[in-house]
Amino acid sequence: SLPPGAVGRLAVLSPSRPTTGAGRLRSRPNVVFYRDDGKECSLLRPIAPTSATDVMEQRDHAWDRDAAAFYRDLAERCHSAPDRGSAALDFVLVADQGDDDAVAKESYLDLATLGDLCHRTGGSLRYVAGDLASPEPWDRLRRHLLRVLRDRPAGYDCVVKLRCTAPLEAGPFLRHPGRLSQHASSLAQLSSPELEVPALDADLALCAEVLLSGISTVRAAQACFQSAVLYTCPRTRRRRVRVSTLRVPTTPHIAPVFQGADADAVACFLARRAAEDVTKIYPKQEFLHGTAGPSGLVRARRNLKETGEHILACYRLHASPARSSSDISPLLLPESLRLLPLFTLSLLKSPALRASRPPEAGKHWSVLPDPAADARSLRLHRLSRDPPHVLLPSLHPTIFSLDRLEDPGSEVGAVRRPAVPPGHGHPGSVPRPFVVTPVPLPASAASLDDAGAVLLDLDDVLYLLVGRAVPDSLWRSLFGDFPREGPAPPPAPDGTEMGERVRTL
């Protein structure tokens, strides 16, 4: 516990899940669980007491009960109180395995429980895998810790308030970090939610619904939204308030609403709600009355598809220019939401929601299917906190062409520092440098060329794709004298201008 008024962040590095002490976690997965949606979803939720039916399950029930109480109390102690300060927890699990997509195929880490603890304290969960005998995973770990503990802007002991003008109401936050304020009444929580979070950082995005209550239309010409964050600055240790106000015009027609829709925000909202559907436990009364429907992954996939279909059906019936014509094409999409079906399909095929594939032919069911519970929990954790500009590339990649890197006058891959006009910016502040990136290409097969090279950006993983008919000059610039035939060559040799640019990207 921190002293009263103190704030901080705790980074925990571990090669495995806790296996001793009050917070020990047992190995929960069983290959039989992956054949049943309800049992598989139990692995995607934090540890909870199980129903004991025999001697072995009675022991597991006692372990789970103690572990659930330990992590619940630990998350509560991380919030500020009159007798203690607040702290955010960041877990970094380092494992000697293959790539990041093969999370915990050999050992169980219980990322569902650890990720829930991080999320409730405003922290993050990171998994670093690779050949620990090489410097590459340690370099990734070093860069991650430097960003989390030193470079990333953050505020501590935060209180977040969201409100809007009537008749709009700020609805509940989806998969929110921290806890709802205990000082607000139930009516205040309904009309204007308030969150208490030990820490908020620049890599975290909050998502909330805005509800229209009372009347069917907004009669005012404009609507206003305001968010306020009360936080402690880690450098000055002073309490500050940051207020952001947004004013948007209203319209009595539905067509301008579709035209002004933000596809990235809509896709991020759908992903956040899908993550909530997977991990949420509905009361038994809802199942008895048939309002909750199937549980877990099936419910998330169904709701995601139905929501996308409902959006497009509403546009076709009420906002499409061709709605009055008898010759209507089978698929009509608003200009702003043309990529929504693509993002929806990418989300359905992502490790967070796709169905677990059985083991390959010739392998026994003792081998865990793909994705395993830890891999799915890690992706669900990212869906619950990533902003749109980080989340969407991880669902649908971005392609950058490297053809212009050979041009002598090209600035692609160069590091530049933005120029600040006189009188702008804070005194003494230094603008952050940025890298000039290539123009992104559509992520389709048409953007791939046998005679070219591209970078495939998945946000946390970067792939270099080289065509078989690439010119010798481009090959030497990328790989030096490494032969074309044989194992994959190490990219970007030292001493070449193009190699430096590729490494910078």
Protein backbone atom coordinates (compact mmCIF):
# COMPACT_ATOMS: atom_id res chain seq x y z
CA SER A 1 0.00 0.00 0.00
CA LEU A 2 1.19 3.49 -0.86
CA PRO A 3 1.03 6.33 1.69
CA PRO A 4 -2.00 8.64 1.48
CA GLY A 5 -1.85 11.00 -1.48
CA ALA A 6 0.87 9.03 -3.27
CA VAL A 7 0.37 7.66 -6.78
CA GLY A 8 2.41 5.21 -8.79
CA ARG A 9 2.65 2.37 -11.27
CA LEU A 10 3.88 -1.15 -10.61
CA ALA A 11 5.30 -3.26 -13.45
CA VAL A 12 5.42 -6.99 -12.71
CA LEU A 13 7.67 -9.20 -14.86
CA SER A 14 7.09 -12.93 -14.69
CA PRO A 15 7.77 -16.01 -16.84
CA SER A 16 4.62 -17.82 -15.66
CA ARG A 17 1.40 -17.43 -13.74
CA PRO A 18 1.55 -17.18 -9.92
CA THR A 19 1.73 -20.72 -8.52
CA THR A 20 2.45 -20.12 -4.82
CA GLY A 21 1.03 -17.98 -2.07
CA ALA A 22 -2.44 -16.54 -1.64
CA GLY A 23 -2.72 -15.52 -5.29
CA ARG A 24 -1.75 -18.85 -6.82
CA LEU A 25 -3.65 -19.81 -9.95
CA ARG A 26 -4.22 -23.40 -10.97
CA SER A 27 -4.15 -24.71 -14.51
CA ARG A 28 -7.79 -24.48 -15.60
CA PRO A 29 -7.94 -25.44 -19.30
CA ASN A 30 -9.03 -28.85 -20.45
CA VAL A 31 -9.31 -29.89 -24.08
CA VAL A 32 -12.92 -30.91 -23.39
CA PHE A 33 -13.75 -27.26 -22.61
CA TYR A 34 -13.02 -26.22 -26.20
CA ARG A 35 -15.82 -28.44 -27.48
CA ASP A 36 -18.44 -26.49 -25.50
CA ASP A 37 -18.94 -22.73 -25.86
CA GLY A 38 -20.06 -22.23 -22.28
CA LYS A 39 -17.10 -24.08 -20.79
CA GLU A 40 -14.62 -22.34 -23.08
CA CYS A 41 -15.98 -18.93 -22.06
CA SER A 42 -15.32 -19.81 -18.42
CA LEU A 43 -11.61 -19.76 -19.31
CA LEU A 44 -11.97 -16.23 -20.70
CA ARG A 45 -13.29 -14.82 -17.42
CA PRO A 46 -11.25 -14.17 -14.27
CA ILE A 47 -10.96 -16.93 -11.72
CA ALA A 48 -14.10 -17.59 -9.69
CA PRO A 49 -15.21 -20.29 -7.22
CA THR A 50 -16.41 -23.43 -8.98
CA SER A 51 -19.17 -25.82 -8.00
CA ALA A 52 -17.62 -28.74 -6.11
CA THR A 53 -18.96 -32.23 -6.83
CA ASP A 54 -16.10 -34.51 -5.75
CA VAL A 55 -12.98 -34.42 -3.60
CA MET A 56 -10.74 -33.09 -6.38
CA GLU A 57 -13.19 -30.34 -7.31
CA GLN A 58 -13.59 -29.41 -3.64
CA ARG A 59 -9.86 -28.70 -3.47
CA ASP A 60 -10.05 -26.67 -6.70
CA HIS A 61 -13.06 -24.82 -5.30
CA ALA A 62 -11.07 -23.76 -2.22
CA TRP A 63 -8.12 -22.63 -4.36
CA ASP A 64 -10.34 -20.67 -6.74
CA ARG A 65 -12.24 -19.06 -3.86
CA ASP A 66 -9.03 -17.88 -2.19
CA ALA A 67 -7.52 -16.67 -5.47
CA ALA A 68 -10.69 -14.81 -6.48
CA ALA A 69 -10.83 -13.07 -3.10
CA PHE A 70 -7.11 -12.20 -3.30
CA TYR A 71 -7.30 -10.55 -6.73
CA ARG A 72 -10.56 -8.79 -5.91
CA ASP A 73 -9.05 -7.30 -2.75
CA LEU A 74 -5.80 -6.45 -4.57
CA ALA A 75 -7.68 -4.49 -7.24
CA GLU A 76 -9.61 -2.67 -4.52
CA ARG A 77 -6.42 -1.77 -2.63
CA CYS A 78 -5.00 -0.21 -5.80
CA HIS A 79 -7.71 2.48 -5.66
CA SER A 80 -7.12 5.54 -3.52
CA ALA A 81 -8.65 5.85 -0.06
CA PRO A 82 -8.17 8.19 2.91
CA ASP A 83 -5.54 5.83 4.36
CA ARG A 84 -3.67 4.91 1.16
CA GLY A 85 -2.69 6.08 -2.31
CA SER A 86 -3.45 4.54 -5.70
CA ALA A 87 -1.37 2.47 -8.10
CA ALA A 88 -1.79 0.91 -11.53
CA LEU A 89 -0.60 -2.64 -12.19
CA ASP A 90 1.12 -3.64 -15.45
CA PHE A 91 1.87 -7.31 -16.06
CA VAL A 92 4.60 -8.29 -18.53
CA LEU A 93 4.89 -12.02 -19.13
CA VAL A 94 8.11 -13.15 -20.79
CA ALA A 95 8.14 -16.64 -22.26
CA ASP A 96 10.66 -18.60 -24.29
CA GLN A 97 8.30 -19.54 -27.11
CA GLY A 98 7.59 -18.80 -30.74
CA ASP A 99 5.75 -15.81 -32.11
CA ASP A 100 3.17 -13.73 -30.23
CA ASP A 101 0.26 -15.41 -32.00
CA ALA A 102 1.21 -18.74 -30.40
CA VAL A 103 0.58 -17.50 -26.87
CA ALA A 104 0.87 -20.13 -24.19
CA LYS A 105 0.36 -23.23 -26.30
CA GLU A 106 2.75 -25.12 -24.06
CA SER A 107 1.90 -23.65 -20.64
CA TYR A 108 -1.15 -21.94 -19.18
CA LEU A 109 -0.70 -18.37 -17.95
CA ASP A 110 -4.30 -17.48 -16.99
CA LEU A 111 -4.18 -14.17 -18.84
CA ALA A 112 -7.92 -13.78 -18.21
CA THR A 113 -7.37 -13.29 -14.46
CA LEU A 114 -4.18 -11.25 -14.78
CA GLY A 115 -5.63 -9.12 -17.57
CA ASP A 116 -8.75 -8.39 -15.54
CA LEU A 117 -6.59 -7.26 -12.61
CA CYS A 118 -4.61 -4.93 -14.89
CA HIS A 119 -7.77 -3.57 -16.51
CA ARG A 120 -9.47 -2.81 -13.18
CA THR A 121 -6.45 -0.78 -12.06
CA GLY A 122 -5.94 1.09 -15.34
CA GLY A 123 -2.87 -0.95 -16.25
CA SER A 124 -2.03 -3.08 -19.26
CA LEU A 125 -1.11 -6.67 -20.04
CA ARG A 126 1.84 -7.43 -22.31
CA TYR A 127 3.13 -10.74 -23.59
CA VAL A 128 6.71 -10.92 -24.89
CA ALA A 129 7.67 -14.20 -26.55
CA GLY A 130 10.64 -15.32 -28.57
CA ASP A 131 14.03 -16.93 -28.37
CA LEU A 132 15.32 -15.59 -25.06
CA ALA A 133 18.86 -16.50 -26.08
CA SER A 134 18.73 -13.75 -28.73
CA PRO A 135 18.64 -10.00 -27.97
CA GLU A 136 15.44 -9.33 -29.97
CA PRO A 137 12.81 -10.13 -27.27
CA TRP A 138 14.83 -8.30 -24.62
CA ASP A 139 15.03 -5.24 -26.85
CA ARG A 140 11.25 -5.31 -27.25
CA LEU A 141 10.88 -5.63 -23.48
CA ARG A 142 13.24 -2.70 -22.88
CA ARG A 143 11.38 -0.45 -25.33
CA HIS A 144 8.02 -1.42 -23.81
CA LEU A 145 9.13 -0.66 -20.24
CA LEU A 146 10.69 2.65 -21.26
CA ARG A 147 7.46 3.72 -22.91
CA VAL A 148 5.22 2.57 -20.05
CA LEU A 149 7.33 3.86 -17.16
CA ARG A 150 9.02 6.92 -18.65
CA ASP A 151 7.81 8.23 -22.01
CA ARG A 152 4.05 7.65 -22.15
CA PRO A 153 1.87 10.54 -20.95
CA ALA A 154 -0.31 9.43 -18.04
CA GLY A 155 -2.38 10.77 -15.17
CA TYR A 156 -2.95 9.07 -11.82
CA ASP A 157 -5.76 8.79 -9.29
CA CYS A 158 -8.25 9.81 -11.98
CA VAL A 159 -11.94 10.61 -11.85
CA VAL A 160 -13.66 10.65 -15.26
CA LYS A 161 -16.99 12.38 -15.83
CA LEU A 162 -19.01 12.32 -19.06
CA ARG A 163 -22.15 14.35 -19.70
CA CYS A 164 -24.19 15.72 -22.59
CA THR A 165 -27.11 18.04 -23.24
CA ALA A 166 -30.71 16.86 -22.86
CA PRO A 167 -32.51 14.87 -24.16
CA LEU A 168 -29.31 12.90 -24.74
CA GLU A 169 -27.96 10.82 -21.87
CA ALA A 170 -24.47 9.47 -21.37
CA GLY A 171 -24.99 5.74 -21.10
CA PRO A 172 -22.76 3.15 -19.48
CA PHE A 173 -19.09 2.75 -20.35
CA LEU A 174 -18.28 -0.46 -22.23
CA ARG A 175 -15.57 -2.61 -20.65
CA HIS A 176 -14.43 0.36 -18.62
CA PRO A 177 -11.30 0.29 -16.44
CA GLY A 178 -11.46 1.07 -12.74
CA ARG A 179 -14.83 1.22 -11.01
CA LEU A 180 -17.95 3.34 -11.00
CA SER A 181 -17.81 6.12 -8.45
CA GLN A 182 -19.04 5.05 -5.03
CA HIS A 183 -19.92 8.64 -4.10
CA ALA A 184 -22.55 9.10 -6.81
CA SER A 185 -26.13 8.04 -6.37
CA SER A 186 -27.71 5.47 -8.62
CA LEU A 187 -29.61 8.23 -10.46
CA ALA A 188 -26.41 10.18 -11.06
CA GLN A 189 -24.67 7.07 -12.35
CA LEU A 190 -27.48 6.53 -14.83
CA SER A 191 -27.63 10.09 -16.17
CA SER A 192 -23.93 10.94 -15.98
CA PRO A 193 -21.51 8.06 -15.33
CA GLU A 194 -18.42 8.72 -13.26
CA LEU A 195 -15.36 6.48 -13.18
CA GLU A 196 -12.58 6.15 -10.64
CA VAL A 197 -9.39 4.81 -12.23
CA PRO A 198 -5.94 4.58 -10.59
CA ALA A 199 -4.29 5.60 -13.88
CA LEU A 200 -5.15 6.73 -17.41
CA ASP A 201 -2.55 6.75 -20.17
CA ALA A 202 -2.30 7.78 -23.81
CA ASP A 203 -2.75 4.18 -25.04
CA LEU A 204 -6.17 3.76 -23.39
CA ALA A 205 -9.50 4.69 -24.98
CA LEU A 206 -12.83 4.88 -23.16
CA CYS A 207 -16.02 3.91 -24.96
CA ALA A 208 -19.53 4.91 -23.88
CA GLU A 209 -23.01 4.79 -25.36
CA VAL A 210 -25.12 7.91 -25.82
CA LEU A 211 -28.83 7.27 -25.35
CA LEU A 212 -31.80 9.25 -26.62
CA SER A 213 -34.53 9.30 -23.99
CA GLY A 214 -37.92 10.86 -23.55
CA ILE A 215 -38.64 12.05 -27.09
CA SER A 216 -37.79 10.58 -30.46
CA THR A 217 -35.94 13.61 -31.88
CA VAL A 218 -33.51 16.25 -30.68
CA ARG A 219 -35.20 19.62 -31.15
CA ALA A 220 -32.15 21.80 -30.45
CA ALA A 221 -29.97 22.87 -33.37
CA GLN A 222 -26.83 21.64 -31.63
CA ALA A 223 -25.82 18.99 -29.12
CA CYS A 224 -22.87 19.25 -26.74
CA PHE A 225 -20.73 16.57 -25.15
CA GLN A 226 -18.25 17.18 -22.37
CA SER A 227 -15.71 14.97 -20.66
CA ALA A 228 -13.74 15.98 -17.58
CA VAL A 229 -10.78 14.17 -16.04
CA LEU A 230 -9.53 15.03 -12.57
CA TYR A 231 -6.04 13.57 -12.17
CA THR A 232 -2.67 13.92 -10.45
CA CYS A 233 0.24 15.01 -12.62
CA PRO A 234 3.19 12.65 -11.90
CA ARG A 235 5.80 15.38 -12.41
CA THR A 236 4.32 18.25 -10.41
CA ARG A 237 2.21 16.04 -8.05
CA ARG A 238 -0.60 18.55 -8.39
CA ARG A 239 -4.25 17.85 -9.06
CA ARG A 240 -5.42 19.04 -12.46
CA VAL A 241 -8.63 19.00 -14.46
CA ARG A 242 -8.71 18.45 -18.21
CA VAL A 243 -12.01 19.31 -19.88
CA SER A 244 -12.88 18.52 -23.50
CA THR A 245 -16.07 19.88 -25.06
CA LEU A 246 -17.51 18.85 -28.41
CA ARG A 247 -20.39 20.63 -30.13
CA VAL A 248 -22.04 18.99 -33.12
CA PRO A 249 -25.03 20.03 -35.26
CA THR A 250 -28.24 18.03 -35.17
CA THR A 251 -30.56 17.09 -38.02
CA PRO A 252 -34.14 15.79 -38.26
CA HIS A 253 -33.12 13.49 -41.13
CA ILE A 254 -31.27 10.21 -40.89
CA ALA A 255 -29.23 10.50 -44.11
CA PRO A 256 -26.75 13.12 -42.76
CA VAL A 257 -26.16 10.89 -39.73
CA PHE A 258 -24.86 8.12 -41.98
CA GLN A 259 -22.83 10.59 -44.05
CA GLY A 260 -21.08 11.92 -40.95
CA ALA A 261 -20.47 8.55 -39.31
CA ASP A 262 -16.91 7.71 -38.25
CA ALA A 263 -16.21 4.17 -39.47
CA ASP A 264 -13.18 3.76 -37.18
CA ALA A 265 -15.17 4.75 -34.09
CA VAL A 266 -18.10 2.51 -35.08
CA ALA A 267 -15.79 -0.48 -35.60
CA CYS A 268 -14.06 0.18 -32.27
CA PHE A 269 -17.43 0.41 -30.51
CA LEU A 270 -18.58 -2.90 -32.03
CA ALA A 271 -15.31 -4.56 -30.98
CA ARG A 272 -15.65 -3.24 -27.43
CA ARG A 273 -19.21 -4.50 -27.14
CA ALA A 274 -18.22 -7.90 -28.57
CA ALA A 275 -15.54 -8.22 -25.89
CA GLU A 276 -18.15 -7.40 -23.26
CA ASP A 277 -20.54 -10.02 -24.67
CA VAL A 278 -17.86 -12.71 -24.42
CA THR A 279 -16.95 -12.08 -20.78
CA LYS A 280 -20.28 -10.89 -19.35
CA ILE A 281 -22.26 -13.25 -17.14
CA TYR A 282 -26.00 -12.73 -17.49
CA PRO A 283 -28.37 -13.36 -14.57
CA LYS A 284 -30.31 -16.59 -14.59
CA GLN A 285 -33.60 -14.69 -14.90
CA GLU A 286 -32.57 -13.45 -18.35
CA PHE A 287 -31.89 -16.99 -19.50
CA LEU A 288 -35.24 -18.18 -18.11
CA HIS A 289 -37.13 -15.48 -20.03
CA GLY A 290 -35.05 -15.99 -23.17
CA THR A 291 -33.72 -12.41 -23.34
CA ALA A 292 -30.02 -13.18 -22.98
CA GLY A 293 -29.77 -15.80 -25.71
CA PRO A 294 -26.72 -18.02 -26.05
CA SER A 295 -23.70 -17.26 -23.93
CA GLY A 296 -20.16 -16.25 -24.68
CA LEU A 297 -18.60 -16.42 -28.11
CA VAL A 298 -21.79 -17.45 -29.92
CA ARG A 299 -23.65 -14.44 -28.52
CA ALA A 300 -20.80 -12.06 -29.42
CA ARG A 301 -20.59 -13.30 -33.01
CA ARG A 302 -24.36 -13.19 -33.45
CA ASN A 303 -24.74 -9.68 -32.01
CA LEU A 304 -21.84 -8.39 -34.11
CA LYS A 305 -23.33 -9.68 -37.36
CA GLU A 306 -26.86 -8.57 -36.51
CA THR A 307 -25.70 -5.06 -35.59
CA GLY A 308 -23.84 -4.65 -38.88
CA GLU A 309 -26.81 -5.96 -40.84
CA HIS A 310 -29.16 -3.63 -38.93
CA ILE A 311 -27.02 -0.56 -39.72
CA LEU A 312 -26.92 -1.36 -43.43
CA ALA A 313 -30.64 -2.23 -43.53
CA CYS A 314 -31.57 1.09 -41.90
CA TYR A 315 -29.47 2.95 -44.46
CA ARG A 316 -31.08 1.10 -47.35
CA LEU A 317 -34.63 1.66 -46.10
CA HIS A 318 -34.41 5.23 -44.79
CA ALA A 319 -31.32 7.02 -46.10
CA SER A 320 -30.30 5.54 -49.44
CA PRO A 321 -30.75 7.83 -52.49
CA ALA A 322 -32.18 4.85 -54.41
CA ARG A 323 -34.72 3.83 -51.77
CA SER A 324 -37.61 5.16 -53.86
CA SER A 325 -36.43 3.42 -57.01
CA SER A 326 -37.61 -0.02 -57.98
CA ASP A 327 -34.12 -0.92 -59.25
CA ILE A 328 -32.18 -1.25 -55.99
CA SER A 329 -28.83 -2.98 -55.97
CA PRO A 330 -28.55 -5.90 -53.54
CA LEU A 331 -25.93 -4.09 -51.43
CA LEU A 332 -26.03 -0.37 -50.65
CA LEU A 333 -23.41 1.15 -48.37
CA PRO A 334 -23.00 4.73 -47.17
CA GLU A 335 -19.77 6.35 -48.29
CA SER A 336 -18.52 6.75 -44.73
CA LEU A 337 -19.21 3.11 -43.76
CA ARG A 338 -17.98 1.26 -46.83
CA LEU A 339 -15.28 -0.47 -44.79
CA LEU A 340 -17.61 -1.50 -41.96
CA PRO A 341 -18.37 -4.98 -43.43
CA LEU A 342 -14.63 -5.49 -43.93
CA PHE A 343 -13.81 -4.60 -40.32
CA THR A 344 -16.72 -6.74 -39.07
CA LEU A 345 -15.49 -9.76 -40.99
CA SER A 346 -11.92 -9.14 -39.80
CA LEU A 347 -13.15 -9.03 -36.21
CA LEU A 348 -15.09 -12.28 -36.64
CA LYS A 349 -11.93 -13.96 -37.99
CA SER A 350 -9.63 -12.50 -35.33
CA PRO A 351 -8.26 -14.68 -32.49
CA ALA A 352 -10.67 -12.91 -30.13
CA LEU A 353 -13.87 -14.25 -31.73
CA ARG A 354 -13.14 -16.95 -34.28
CA ALA A 355 -14.05 -20.54 -33.49
CA SER A 356 -11.29 -22.69 -32.03
CA ARG A 357 -9.87 -24.97 -34.68
CA PRO A 358 -9.38 -28.61 -33.65
CA PRO A 359 -5.86 -30.06 -33.70
CA GLU A 360 -4.31 -30.83 -37.07
CA ALA A 361 -4.79 -34.21 -38.70
CA GLY A 362 -2.77 -36.89 -36.98
CA LYS A 363 -2.60 -35.04 -33.65
CA HIS A 364 -4.52 -36.07 -30.56
CA TRP A 365 -7.03 -33.83 -28.81
CA SER A 366 -4.55 -33.48 -25.94
CA VAL A 367 -3.01 -30.67 -28.03
CA LEU A 368 -4.88 -27.43 -27.36
CA PRO A 369 -6.74 -26.01 -30.37
CA ASP A 370 -6.00 -22.65 -31.94
CA PRO A 371 -6.58 -20.10 -30.53
CA ALA A 372 -6.05 -21.29 -26.97
CA ALA A 373 -7.67 -19.56 -24.00
CA ASP A 374 -4.64 -17.36 -23.25
CA ALA A 375 -4.32 -16.16 -26.84
CA ARG A 376 -8.01 -15.26 -26.92
CA SER A 377 -7.84 -13.53 -23.51
CA LEU A 378 -4.89 -11.42 -24.66
CA ARG A 379 -6.81 -10.24 -27.74
CA LEU A 380 -9.93 -9.52 -25.68
CA HIS A 381 -7.81 -7.41 -23.34
CA ARG A 382 -6.60 -5.37 -26.31
CA LEU A 383 -10.15 -4.93 -27.60
CA SER A 384 -11.05 -3.52 -24.18
CA ARG A 385 -8.44 -0.73 -24.11
CA ASP A 386 -6.93 0.03 -27.53
CA PRO A 387 -7.94 3.24 -29.37
CA PRO A 388 -9.16 2.99 -32.99
CA HIS A 389 -5.83 3.92 -34.62
CA VAL A 390 -4.18 1.00 -32.77
CA LEU A 391 -7.02 -1.52 -32.82
CA LEU A 392 -7.96 -1.42 -36.50
CA PRO A 393 -4.48 -2.21 -37.92
CA SER A 394 -4.37 -5.27 -35.65
CA LEU A 395 -7.66 -6.47 -37.19
CA HIS A 396 -6.99 -5.50 -40.81
CA PRO A 397 -3.36 -4.82 -41.78
CA THR A 398 -1.92 -1.79 -43.52
CA ILE A 399 0.38 -2.26 -46.52
CA PHE A 400 3.25 0.14 -47.28
CA SER A 401 5.18 -0.09 -50.54
CA LEU A 402 8.98 0.12 -50.37
CA ASP A 403 9.51 0.95 -54.04
CA ARG A 404 10.14 4.66 -53.43
CA LEU A 405 12.81 4.01 -50.81
CA GLU A 406 15.34 3.61 -53.63
CA ASP A 407 14.70 7.12 -54.96
CA PRO A 408 17.58 9.43 -53.99
CA GLY A 409 15.30 12.37 -53.15
CA SER A 410 12.69 10.39 -51.24
CA GLU A 411 12.15 11.23 -47.55
CA VAL A 412 10.32 7.98 -46.78
CA GLY A 413 11.90 6.38 -43.72
CA ALA A 414 13.64 9.59 -42.66
CA VAL A 415 13.30 11.01 -39.16
CA ARG A 416 11.99 14.57 -39.02
CA ARG A 417 11.09 16.96 -36.24
CA PRO A 418 8.03 19.18 -36.74
CA ALA A 419 8.64 22.90 -36.94
CA VAL A 420 6.80 24.93 -34.30
CA PRO A 421 5.80 28.47 -35.39
CA PRO A 422 6.91 31.29 -33.09
CA GLY A 423 4.48 31.86 -30.25
CA HIS A 424 3.05 28.34 -30.38
CA GLY A 425 3.63 25.48 -27.95
CA HIS A 426 4.79 25.50 -24.35
CA PRO A 427 8.01 27.33 -23.49
CA GLY A 428 10.94 24.94 -23.38
CA SER A 429 9.01 22.05 -24.94
CA VAL A 430 10.71 20.04 -27.68
CA PRO A 431 8.52 18.63 -30.49
CA ARG A 432 8.65 14.87 -30.76
CA PRO A 433 10.33 13.51 -33.89
CA PHE A 434 8.34 11.48 -36.38
CA VAL A 435 9.11 9.07 -39.22
CA VAL A 436 7.98 9.81 -42.77
CA THR A 437 5.93 6.74 -43.75
CA PRO A 438 5.04 5.62 -47.28
CA VAL A 439 1.57 6.14 -48.65
CA PRO A 440 -0.55 3.16 -47.50
CA LEU A 441 -1.96 0.82 -50.14
CA PRO A 442 -5.28 -1.04 -50.04
CA ALA A 443 -4.83 -4.28 -48.11
CA SER A 444 -5.70 -6.63 -50.95
CA ALA A 445 -3.98 -9.01 -53.35
CA ALA A 446 -3.97 -6.28 -56.01
CA SER A 447 -1.39 -4.35 -53.94
CA LEU A 448 1.10 -7.25 -54.00
CA ASP A 449 3.58 -7.48 -56.86
CA ASP A 450 6.09 -10.25 -57.59
CA ALA A 451 8.63 -7.60 -58.56
CA GLY A 452 8.20 -5.42 -55.45
CA ALA A 453 8.52 -5.38 -51.67
CA VAL A 454 5.97 -4.22 -49.10
CA LEU A 455 5.68 -3.86 -45.34
CA LEU A 456 2.65 -5.52 -43.75
CA ASP A 457 1.77 -3.62 -40.56
CA LEU A 458 -0.27 -5.45 -37.91
CA ASP A 459 0.46 -2.77 -35.29
CA ASP A 460 2.42 -5.06 -32.95
CA VAL A 461 4.04 -7.18 -35.68
CA LEU A 462 5.68 -5.96 -38.90
CA TYR A 463 6.22 -8.33 -41.83
CA LEU A 464 8.47 -7.70 -44.82
CA LEU A 465 7.02 -9.36 -47.94
CA VAL A 466 9.37 -9.65 -50.92
CA GLY A 467 8.27 -10.86 -54.36
CA ARG A 468 10.07 -13.70 -56.10
CA ALA A 469 10.89 -11.53 -59.14
CA VAL A 470 12.27 -8.58 -57.17
CA PRO A 471 15.20 -6.84 -58.97
CA ASP A 472 18.72 -7.65 -57.83
CA SER A 473 19.36 -4.03 -56.83
CA LEU A 474 16.39 -4.02 -54.44
CA TRP A 475 17.38 -7.43 -53.05
CA ARG A 476 20.92 -6.25 -52.29
CA SER A 477 19.58 -3.08 -50.68
CA LEU A 478 17.35 -5.16 -48.40
CA PHE A 479 19.49 -8.22 -47.66
CA GLY A 480 23.02 -7.48 -48.86
CA ASP A 481 24.83 -10.50 -50.32
CA PHE A 482 22.51 -13.03 -48.69
CA PRO A 483 21.50 -15.70 -51.28
CA ARG A 484 17.93 -15.80 -52.55
CA GLU A 485 17.55 -19.53 -51.99
CA GLY A 486 17.56 -21.00 -48.51
CA PRO A 487 16.29 -19.78 -45.14
CA ALA A 488 14.76 -16.36 -44.57
CA PRO A 489 17.52 -13.72 -44.62
CA PRO A 490 17.95 -11.06 -41.92
CA PRO A 491 16.49 -7.82 -43.33
CA ALA A 492 18.05 -4.39 -43.61
CA PRO A 493 21.85 -4.80 -43.51
CA ASP A 494 24.05 -2.18 -41.91
CA GLY A 495 25.83 0.35 -44.05
CA THR A 496 23.11 0.91 -46.68
CA GLU A 497 20.78 3.88 -46.82
CA MET A 498 17.75 1.74 -47.64
CA GLY A 499 18.57 -0.65 -44.80
CA GLU A 500 18.62 2.25 -42.35
CA ARG A 501 15.25 3.48 -43.63
CA VAL A 502 13.64 0.03 -43.39
CA ARG A 503 14.89 -0.40 -39.81
CA THR A 504 13.60 3.08 -38.94
CA LEU A 505 10.16 2.20 -40.29
